[in-house]
C-alpha atoms as a PDB file:
ATOM      1  CA  MET A   1      22.160  11.908  -5.397  1.00  0.00           C
ATOM      2  CA  LYS A   2      22.917   8.752  -7.364  1.00  0.00           C
ATOM      3  CA  PRO A   3      21.774   8.593 -11.028  1.00  0.00           C
ATOM      4  CA  LYS A   4      19.500   5.635 -10.215  1.00  0.00           C
ATOM      5  CA  ILE A   5      17.586   7.650  -7.626  1.00  0.00           C
ATOM      6  CA  GLU A   6      17.290  10.593 -10.021  1.00  0.00           C
ATOM      7  CA  GLU A   7      15.907   8.265 -12.703  1.00  0.00           C
ATOM      8  CA  GLU A   8      13.378   6.812 -10.244  1.00  0.00           C
ATOM      9  CA  LEU A   9      12.342  10.328  -9.233  1.00  0.00           C
ATOM     10  CA  LYS A  10      11.831  11.373 -12.867  1.00  0.00           C
ATOM     11  CA  ALA A  11       9.805   8.221 -13.611  1.00  0.00           C
ATOM     12  CA  TRP A  12       7.636   8.894 -10.549  1.00  0.00           C
ATOM     13  CA  GLU A  13       7.130  12.506 -11.652  1.00  0.00           C
ATOM     14  CA  ARG A  14       5.945  11.320 -15.081  1.00  0.00           C
ATOM     15  CA  ARG A  15       3.412   8.999 -13.424  1.00  0.00           C
ATOM     16  CA  ILE A  16       2.205  11.794 -11.158  1.00  0.00           C
ATOM     17  CA  LEU A  17       1.652  14.192 -14.059  1.00  0.00           C
ATOM     18  CA  LYS A  18       0.238  11.585 -16.434  1.00  0.00           C
ATOM     19  CA  ARG A  19      -3.497  11.620 -17.020  1.00  0.00           C
ATOM     20  CA  SER A  20      -5.412   8.808 -15.328  1.00  0.00           C
ATOM     21  CA  PRO A  21      -6.897   5.971 -17.443  1.00  0.00           C
ATOM     22  CA  LEU A  22     -10.363   6.567 -18.922  1.00  0.00           C
ATOM     23  CA  TYR A  23     -12.127   4.260 -16.441  1.00  0.00           C
ATOM     24  CA  LYS A  24     -10.690   6.189 -13.476  1.00  0.00           C
ATOM     25  CA  ARG A  25     -11.703   9.524 -14.960  1.00  0.00           C
ATOM     26  CA  ALA A  26     -15.214   8.202 -15.553  1.00  0.00           C
ATOM     27  CA  ALA A  27     -15.430   6.962 -11.956  1.00  0.00           C
ATOM     28  CA  ASN A  28     -14.245  10.351 -10.686  1.00  0.00           C
ATOM     29  CA  LYS A  29     -16.966  12.135 -12.680  1.00  0.00           C
ATOM     30  CA  VAL A  30     -19.625   9.880 -11.183  1.00  0.00           C
ATOM     31  CA  GLN A  31     -18.279  10.554  -7.697  1.00  0.00           C
ATOM     32  CA  GLN A  32     -18.235  14.302  -8.385  1.00  0.00           C
ATOM     33  CA  ARG A  33     -21.895  14.215  -9.412  1.00  0.00           C
ATOM     34  CA  ILE A  34     -22.746  12.291  -6.246  1.00  0.00           C
ATOM     35  CA  ASN A  35     -20.807  14.788  -4.128  1.00  0.00           C
ATOM     36  CA  GLU A  36     -22.684  17.680  -5.742  1.00  0.00           C
ATOM     37  CA  ARG A  37     -25.990  16.124  -4.664  1.00  0.00           C
ATOM     38  CA  ILE A  38     -24.905  15.698  -1.062  1.00  0.00           C
ATOM     39  CA  PRO A  39     -26.146  18.612   1.098  1.00  0.00           C
ATOM     40  CA  ALA A  40     -23.525  21.102   2.223  1.00  0.00           C
ATOM     41  CA  LYS A  41     -24.363  20.354   5.869  1.00  0.00           C
ATOM     42  CA  VAL A  42     -23.369  16.708   5.360  1.00  0.00           C
ATOM     43  CA  HIS A  43     -20.081  17.732   3.748  1.00  0.00           C
ATOM     44  CA  ASP A  44     -19.458  20.077   6.676  1.00  0.00           C
ATOM     45  CA  VAL A  45     -20.005  17.288   9.211  1.00  0.00           C
ATOM     46  CA  VAL A  46     -17.681  14.879   7.383  1.00  0.00           C
ATOM     47  CA  THR A  47     -15.084  17.596   6.814  1.00  0.00           C
ATOM     48  CA  ASN A  48     -15.076  18.566  10.495  1.00  0.00           C
ATOM     49  CA  SER A  49     -14.871  14.918  11.571  1.00  0.00           C
ATOM     50  CA  ILE A  50     -11.845  14.247   9.373  1.00  0.00           C
ATOM     51  CA  ARG A  51     -10.221  17.551  10.342  1.00  0.00           C
ATOM     52  CA  HIS A  52     -10.560  16.803  14.050  1.00  0.00           C
ATOM     53  CA  MET A  53      -9.394  13.217  13.569  1.00  0.00           C
ATOM     54  CA  ILE A  54      -6.272  14.222  11.644  1.00  0.00           C
ATOM     55  CA  ARG A  55      -5.516  17.242  13.809  1.00  0.00           C
ATOM     56  CA  ALA A  56      -5.644  15.034  16.885  1.00  0.00           C
ATOM     57  CA  THR A  57      -3.050  12.825  15.185  1.00  0.00           C
ATOM     58  CA  LEU A  58      -0.926  15.735  13.994  1.00  0.00           C
ATOM     59  CA  THR A  59      -0.772  17.354  17.415  1.00  0.00           C
ATOM     60  CA  GLY A  60      -0.536  14.192  19.501  1.00  0.00           C
ATOM     61  CA  SER A  61       2.512  14.134  21.757  1.00  0.00           C
ATOM     62  CA  GLU A  62       3.200  10.494  20.883  1.00  0.00           C
ATOM     63  CA  TYR A  63       3.970  11.641  17.328  1.00  0.00           C
ATOM     64  CA  THR A  64       5.508  15.089  17.697  1.00  0.00           C
ATOM     65  CA  THR A  65       7.781  14.595  20.713  1.00  0.00           C
ATOM     66  CA  ASN A  66       8.954  11.063  20.127  1.00  0.00           C
ATOM     67  CA  ARG A  67      12.447  10.204  18.894  1.00  0.00           C
ATOM     68  CA  PRO A  68      14.478  13.091  17.399  1.00  0.00           C
ATOM     69  CA  PRO A  69      15.058  13.335  13.625  1.00  0.00           C
ATOM     70  CA  LEU A  70      17.955  11.347  12.181  1.00  0.00           C
ATOM     71  CA  LEU A  71      20.982  13.409  11.242  1.00  0.00           C
ATOM     72  CA  GLY A  72      24.161  12.692   9.320  1.00  0.00           C
ATOM     73  CA  ARG A  73      22.740  10.113   6.887  1.00  0.00           C
ATOM     74  CA  THR A  74      22.911  10.057   3.102  1.00  0.00           C
ATOM     75  CA  ILE A  75      19.729  10.111   1.055  1.00  0.00           C
ATOM     76  CA  GLU A  76      20.415   6.506   0.027  1.00  0.00           C
ATOM     77  CA  GLU A  77      20.670   5.404   3.666  1.00  0.00           C
ATOM     78  CA  ARG A  78      17.441   7.210   4.496  1.00  0.00           C
ATOM     79  CA  ASP A  79      15.654   5.514   1.571  1.00  0.00           C
ATOM     80  CA  ASP A  80      16.791   2.096   2.818  1.00  0.00           C
ATOM     81  CA  LEU A  81      15.616   2.845   6.354  1.00  0.00           C
ATOM     82  CA  LEU A  82      12.231   3.953   5.058  1.00  0.00           C
ATOM     83  CA  ARG A  83      11.822   0.778   2.981  1.00  0.00           C
ATOM     84  CA  GLU A  84      12.445  -1.339   6.073  1.00  0.00           C
ATOM     85  CA  LYS A  85      10.003   0.686   8.147  1.00  0.00           C
ATOM     86  CA  LEU A  86       7.404   0.484   5.357  1.00  0.00           C
ATOM     87  CA  LYS A  87       7.501  -3.329   5.421  1.00  0.00           C
ATOM     88  CA  ALA A  88       6.461  -3.335   9.075  1.00  0.00           C
ATOM     89  CA  TYR A  89       3.685  -0.813   8.530  1.00  0.00           C
ATOM     90  CA  LYS A  90       2.322  -2.742   5.555  1.00  0.00           C
ATOM     91  CA  ARG A  91       2.128  -5.897   7.679  1.00  0.00           C
ATOM     92  CA  THR A  92       0.252  -3.966  10.369  1.00  0.00           C
ATOM     93  CA  ALA A  93      -2.140  -2.447   7.832  1.00  0.00           C
ATOM     94  CA  MET A  94      -2.801  -5.846   6.227  1.00  0.00           C
ATOM     95  CA  ALA A  95      -3.595  -7.462   9.586  1.00  0.00           C
ATOM     96  CA  GLU A  96      -5.873  -4.588  10.543  1.00  0.00           C
ATOM     97  CA  GLY A  97      -7.653  -4.669   7.163  1.00  0.00           C
ATOM     98  CA  ALA A  98      -8.163  -8.423   7.275  1.00  0.00           C
ATOM     99  CA  GLY A  99      -9.502  -8.254  10.831  1.00  0.00           C
ATOM    100  CA  THR A 100     -11.980  -5.455  10.224  1.00  0.00           C
ATOM    101  CA  GLY A 101     -12.905  -6.811   6.774  1.00  0.00           C
ATOM    102  CA  ALA A 102     -13.854 -10.174   8.283  1.00  0.00           C
ATOM    103  CA  GLY A 103     -16.341  -8.473  10.587  1.00  0.00           C
ATOM    104  CA  GLY A 104     -18.658  -6.985   7.990  1.00  0.00           C
ATOM    105  CA  ILE A 105     -20.191  -3.511   8.065  1.00  0.00           C
ATOM    106  CA  LEU A 106     -19.570  -2.413  11.660  1.00  0.00           C
ATOM    107  CA  LEU A 107     -15.924  -3.393  11.779  1.00  0.00           C
ATOM    108  CA  GLY A 108     -15.513  -2.197   8.202  1.00  0.00           C
ATOM    109  CA  LEU A 109     -16.529   1.267   9.347  1.00  0.00           C
ATOM    110  CA  ALA A 110     -14.041   1.039  12.220  1.00  0.00           C
ATOM    111  CA  ASP A 111     -11.262   0.440   9.676  1.00  0.00           C
ATOM    112  CA  PHE A 112     -11.366   4.066   8.476  1.00  0.00           C
ATOM    113  CA  PRO A 113      -9.939   5.760  11.598  1.00  0.00           C
ATOM    114  CA  LEU A 114      -7.647   2.795  12.342  1.00  0.00           C
ATOM    115  CA  LEU A 115      -6.078   2.855   8.878  1.00  0.00           C
ATOM    116  CA  LEU A 116      -5.820   6.640   9.003  1.00  0.00           C
ATOM    117  CA  GLY A 117      -3.881   6.360  12.258  1.00  0.00           C
ATOM    118  CA  ILE A 118      -1.468   3.806  10.755  1.00  0.00           C
ATOM    119  CA  LYS A 119      -0.849   6.059   7.754  1.00  0.00           C
ATOM    120  CA  MET A 120      -0.189   9.112   9.909  1.00  0.00           C
ATOM    121  CA  ARG A 121       2.198   7.212  12.187  1.00  0.00           C
ATOM    122  CA  PHE A 122       4.100   6.075   9.129  1.00  0.00           C
ATOM    123  CA  LEU A 123       4.337   9.630   7.797  1.00  0.00           C
ATOM    124  CA  PHE A 124       5.732  10.913  11.103  1.00  0.00           C
ATOM    125  CA  GLU A 125       8.273   8.090  11.101  1.00  0.00           C
ATOM    126  CA  ALA A 126       9.243   9.005   7.528  1.00  0.00           C
ATOM    127  CA  ALA A 127       9.797  12.640   8.515  1.00  0.00           C
ATOM    128  CA  ARG A 128      12.088  11.515  11.334  1.00  0.00           C
ATOM    129  CA  ILE A 129      14.045   9.221   8.989  1.00  0.00           C
ATOM    130  CA  TYR A 130      14.625  12.048   6.511  1.00  0.00           C
ATOM    131  CA  GLY A 131      15.794  14.364   9.270  1.00  0.00           C
ATOM    132  CA  TYR A 132      12.822  16.701   9.714  1.00  0.00           C
ATOM    133  CA  ASP A 133      11.418  17.839  13.060  1.00  0.00           C
ATOM    134  CA  THR A 134       7.638  17.366  13.186  1.00  0.00           C
ATOM    135  CA  ARG A 135       7.312  19.701  16.156  1.00  0.00           C
ATOM    136  CA  ASN A 136       7.380  22.360  13.434  1.00  0.00           C
ATOM    137  CA  VAL A 137       3.811  22.954  12.203  1.00  0.00           C
ATOM    138  CA  GLN A 138       5.012  23.497   8.626  1.00  0.00           C
ATOM    139  CA  GLU A 139       6.525  20.012   8.607  1.00  0.00           C
ATOM    140  CA  ARG A 140       3.201  18.543   9.660  1.00  0.00           C
ATOM    141  CA  ILE A 141       1.408  20.496   6.934  1.00  0.00           C
ATOM    142  CA  PHE A 142       3.963  19.115   4.482  1.00  0.00           C
ATOM    143  CA  LEU A 143       2.905  15.625   5.591  1.00  0.00           C
ATOM    144  CA  LEU A 144      -0.726  16.543   4.855  1.00  0.00           C
ATOM    145  CA  HIS A 145       0.282  17.470   1.312  1.00  0.00           C
ATOM    146  CA  VAL A 146       2.162  14.180   0.897  1.00  0.00           C
ATOM    147  CA  PHE A 147      -0.899  12.307   2.153  1.00  0.00           C
ATOM    148  CA  LEU A 148      -3.175  14.144  -0.289  1.00  0.00           C
ATOM    149  CA  LEU A 149      -0.760  13.566  -3.180  1.00  0.00           C
ATOM    150  CA  ALA A 150      -0.854   9.826  -2.551  1.00  0.00           C
ATOM    151  CA  PHE A 151      -4.659   9.635  -2.620  1.00  0.00           C
ATOM    152  CA  SER A 152      -5.989  12.133  -5.132  1.00  0.00           C
ATOM    153  CA  ASN A 153      -7.456  12.590  -8.601  1.00  0.00           C
ATOM    154  CA  ASP A 154      -5.664  14.159 -11.590  1.00  0.00           C
ATOM    155  CA  GLU A 155      -6.443  17.793 -10.871  1.00  0.00           C
ATOM    156  CA  VAL A 156      -5.670  17.733  -7.147  1.00  0.00           C
ATOM    157  CA  ARG A 157      -2.645  15.482  -7.647  1.00  0.00           C
ATOM    158  CA  LYS A 158      -0.911  17.832 -10.102  1.00  0.00           C
ATOM    159  CA  GLU A 159      -1.631  20.875  -7.972  1.00  0.00           C
ATOM    160  CA  THR A 160      -0.395  19.161  -4.804  1.00  0.00           C
ATOM    161  CA  TYR A 161       2.707  17.862  -6.575  1.00  0.00           C
ATOM    162  CA  MET A 162       3.717  21.418  -7.513  1.00  0.00           C
ATOM    163  CA  VAL A 163       3.277  22.518  -3.881  1.00  0.00           C
ATOM    164  CA  ILE A 164       5.606  19.741  -2.715  1.00  0.00           C
ATOM    165  CA  LYS A 165       8.108  20.344  -5.496  1.00  0.00           C
ATOM    166  CA  ASN A 166       8.355  24.019  -4.532  1.00  0.00           C
ATOM    167  CA  TRP A 167       8.012  23.567  -0.792  1.00  0.00           C
ATOM    168  CA  ASP A 168      10.743  26.070   0.140  1.00  0.00           C
ATOM    169  CA  GLU A 169       8.531  28.832  -1.237  1.00  0.00           C
ATOM    170  CA  GLU A 170       5.158  27.239  -0.574  1.00  0.00           C
ATOM    171  CA  LYS A 171       5.767  26.634   3.133  1.00  0.00           C
ATOM    172  CA  LYS A 172       5.772  30.394   3.743  1.00  0.00           C
ATOM    173  CA  LYS A 173       2.024  30.372   3.064  1.00  0.00           C
ATOM    174  CA  TRP A 174       1.264  27.901   5.833  1.00  0.00           C
ATOM    175  CA  GLY A 175       1.106  29.265   9.339  1.00  0.00           C
ATOM    176  CA  SER A 176      -1.583  27.071  10.872  1.00  0.00           C
ATOM    177  CA  TYR A 177      -3.985  24.200  10.169  1.00  0.00           C
ATOM    178  CA  GLU A 178      -6.799  26.699   9.679  1.00  0.00           C
ATOM    179  CA  ASP A 179      -5.242  27.698   6.342  1.00  0.00           C
ATOM    180  CA  TYR A 180      -5.637  24.173   4.987  1.00  0.00           C
ATOM    181  CA  ASP A 181      -8.448  23.240   2.570  1.00  0.00           C
ATOM    182  CA  TRP A 182     -10.026  20.467   4.640  1.00  0.00           C
ATOM    183  CA  LYS A 183     -13.091  20.045   2.435  1.00  0.00           C
ATOM    184  CA  THR A 184     -10.983  19.228  -0.649  1.00  0.00           C
ATOM    185  CA  PHE A 185      -8.883  16.932   1.500  1.00  0.00           C
ATOM    186  CA  GLN A 186     -11.794  14.878   2.849  1.00  0.00           C
ATOM    187  CA  ILE A 187     -13.638  14.616  -0.497  1.00  0.00           C
ATOM    188  CA  THR A 188     -10.503  13.648  -2.418  1.00  0.00           C
ATOM    189  CA  TYR A 189      -9.387  11.060   0.106  1.00  0.00           C
ATOM    190  CA  ARG A 190     -12.856   9.617   0.603  1.00  0.00           C
ATOM    191  CA  ASP A 191     -13.464   9.277  -3.140  1.00  0.00           C
ATOM    192  CA  HIS A 192     -10.105   7.565  -3.610  1.00  0.00           C
ATOM    193  CA  ILE A 193     -10.790   4.797  -1.104  1.00  0.00           C
ATOM    194  CA  ASP A 194     -14.604   4.487  -1.336  1.00  0.00           C
ATOM    195  CA  LEU A 195     -14.807   1.398  -3.578  1.00  0.00           C
ATOM    196  CA  ALA A 196     -12.241  -0.636  -1.646  1.00  0.00           C
ATOM    197  CA  LYS A 197     -13.845   0.249   1.679  1.00  0.00           C
ATOM    198  CA  MET A 198     -17.337  -0.687   0.440  1.00  0.00           C
ATOM    199  CA  LEU A 199     -16.101  -4.083  -0.780  1.00  0.00           C
ATOM    200  CA  GLN A 200     -14.344  -4.579   2.536  1.00  0.00           C
ATOM    201  CA  MET A 201     -17.705  -4.489   4.321  1.00  0.00           C
ATOM    202  CA  ILE A 202     -18.854  -7.693   2.604  1.00  0.00           C
ATOM    203  CA  PRO A 203     -18.510 -10.462   5.247  1.00  0.00           C
ATOM    204  CA  GLY A 204     -15.935 -13.114   4.346  1.00  0.00           C
ATOM    205  CA  PHE A 205     -14.880 -11.542   1.084  1.00  0.00           C
ATOM    206  CA  GLY A 206     -14.140  -8.341   2.972  1.00  0.00           C
ATOM    207  CA  ALA A 207     -11.171  -9.877   4.808  1.00  0.00           C
ATOM    208  CA  ILE A 208      -9.311 -10.478   1.543  1.00  0.00           C
ATOM    209  CA  VAL A 209     -10.199  -7.057   0.153  1.00  0.00           C
ATOM    210  CA  GLY A 210      -9.300  -5.335   3.430  1.00  0.00           C
ATOM    211  CA  ALA A 211      -5.865  -6.919   3.645  1.00  0.00           C
ATOM    212  CA  TYR A 212      -5.031  -6.234   0.000  1.00  0.00           C
ATOM    213  CA  ALA A 213      -6.436  -2.684  -0.038  1.00  0.00           C
ATOM    214  CA  ASN A 214      -4.613  -1.613   3.113  1.00  0.00           C
ATOM    215  CA  TYR A 215      -1.347  -3.115   1.858  1.00  0.00           C
ATOM    216  CA  HIS A 216      -1.779  -1.224  -1.426  1.00  0.00           C
ATOM    217  CA  PHE A 217      -2.625   2.057   0.318  1.00  0.00           C
ATOM    218  CA  LEU A 218       0.517   1.871   2.476  1.00  0.00           C
ATOM    219  CA  ASP A 219       2.623   0.966  -0.558  1.00  0.00           C
ATOM    220  CA  GLN A 220       1.242   3.994  -2.386  1.00  0.00           C
ATOM    221  CA  LEU A 221       1.914   6.251   0.583  1.00  0.00           C
ATOM    222  CA  GLY A 222       5.444   4.871   0.999  1.00  0.00           C
ATOM    223  CA  GLU A 223       6.407   5.640  -2.597  1.00  0.00           C
ATOM    224  CA  THR A 224       4.907   9.130  -2.346  1.00  0.00           C
ATOM    225  CA  VAL A 225       6.605  10.137   0.894  1.00  0.00           C
ATOM    226  CA  MET A 226       9.987   8.785  -0.238  1.00  0.00           C
ATOM    227  CA  ASN A 227       9.891  10.760  -3.467  1.00  0.00           C
ATOM    228  CA  GLY A 228       8.471  13.804  -1.732  1.00  0.00           C
ATOM    229  CA  TYR A 229      11.512  13.946   0.520  1.00  0.00           C
ATOM    230  CA  ARG A 230      13.814  13.200  -2.409  1.00  0.00           C
ATOM    231  CA  LEU A 231      12.396  16.304  -4.095  1.00  0.00           C
ATOM    232  CA  ARG A 232      13.128  18.358  -0.995  1.00  0.00           C
ATOM    233  CA  TYR A 233      16.666  16.946  -0.872  1.00  0.00           C
ATOM    234  CA  LEU A 234      17.296  18.099  -4.458  1.00  0.00           C
ATOM    235  CA  GLN A 235      15.728  21.458  -3.725  1.00  0.00           C
ATOM    236  CA  GLU A 236      17.877  22.017  -0.662  1.00  0.00           C
ATOM    237  CA  LYS A 237      21.041  20.965  -2.525  1.00  0.00           C
ATOM    238  CA  LYS A 238      20.377  23.712  -5.068  1.00  0.00           C
END
């Protein structure tokens, strides 16, 4: 791996492990208090909805049996391919966010599953680019960890980062989707995007927010998945 890539990986690691700014920590505490007041039955409904939505994506034949993983490429070539693919996905996410944001509350609500689908398609494409076969359930669970790492608070982010960094050992713990902590996943992800999604539901103004927010979310996911696979590359070289 080239020194430049190693430097970028170290800088990303520092950002991942760095404590969030005070305003973000304060916002997270408010959201935690709100979550504590929400009845367990409501959490269960939301958790099950997100689990079924993501599992449908993870097991869909259009994702898992599409083109085979790329072989015989350097890590630098794979990074370049991912950057090109990310540009296209960001354009799609922006258009989708602007369209649903312009429609107010009803279309704003529709943005959630649409954006989730775009993100998951991108992750499957990233796995293929880096040479991993997503027909393997452990590879799909790895993608769930990458997703969570991209959209999480300090505590969950650091914990998830260590899972990804030590994936060779960690993957032995994951035999099925039932082992995954779906409640933490849905609360963490929902809290991360709540403000942007609420602003997106404001007619007129929502189109601008939707386009920008979706572009930012894909950018965030792109950086996370690239560095997640760079970590695995280093791990496998050792």
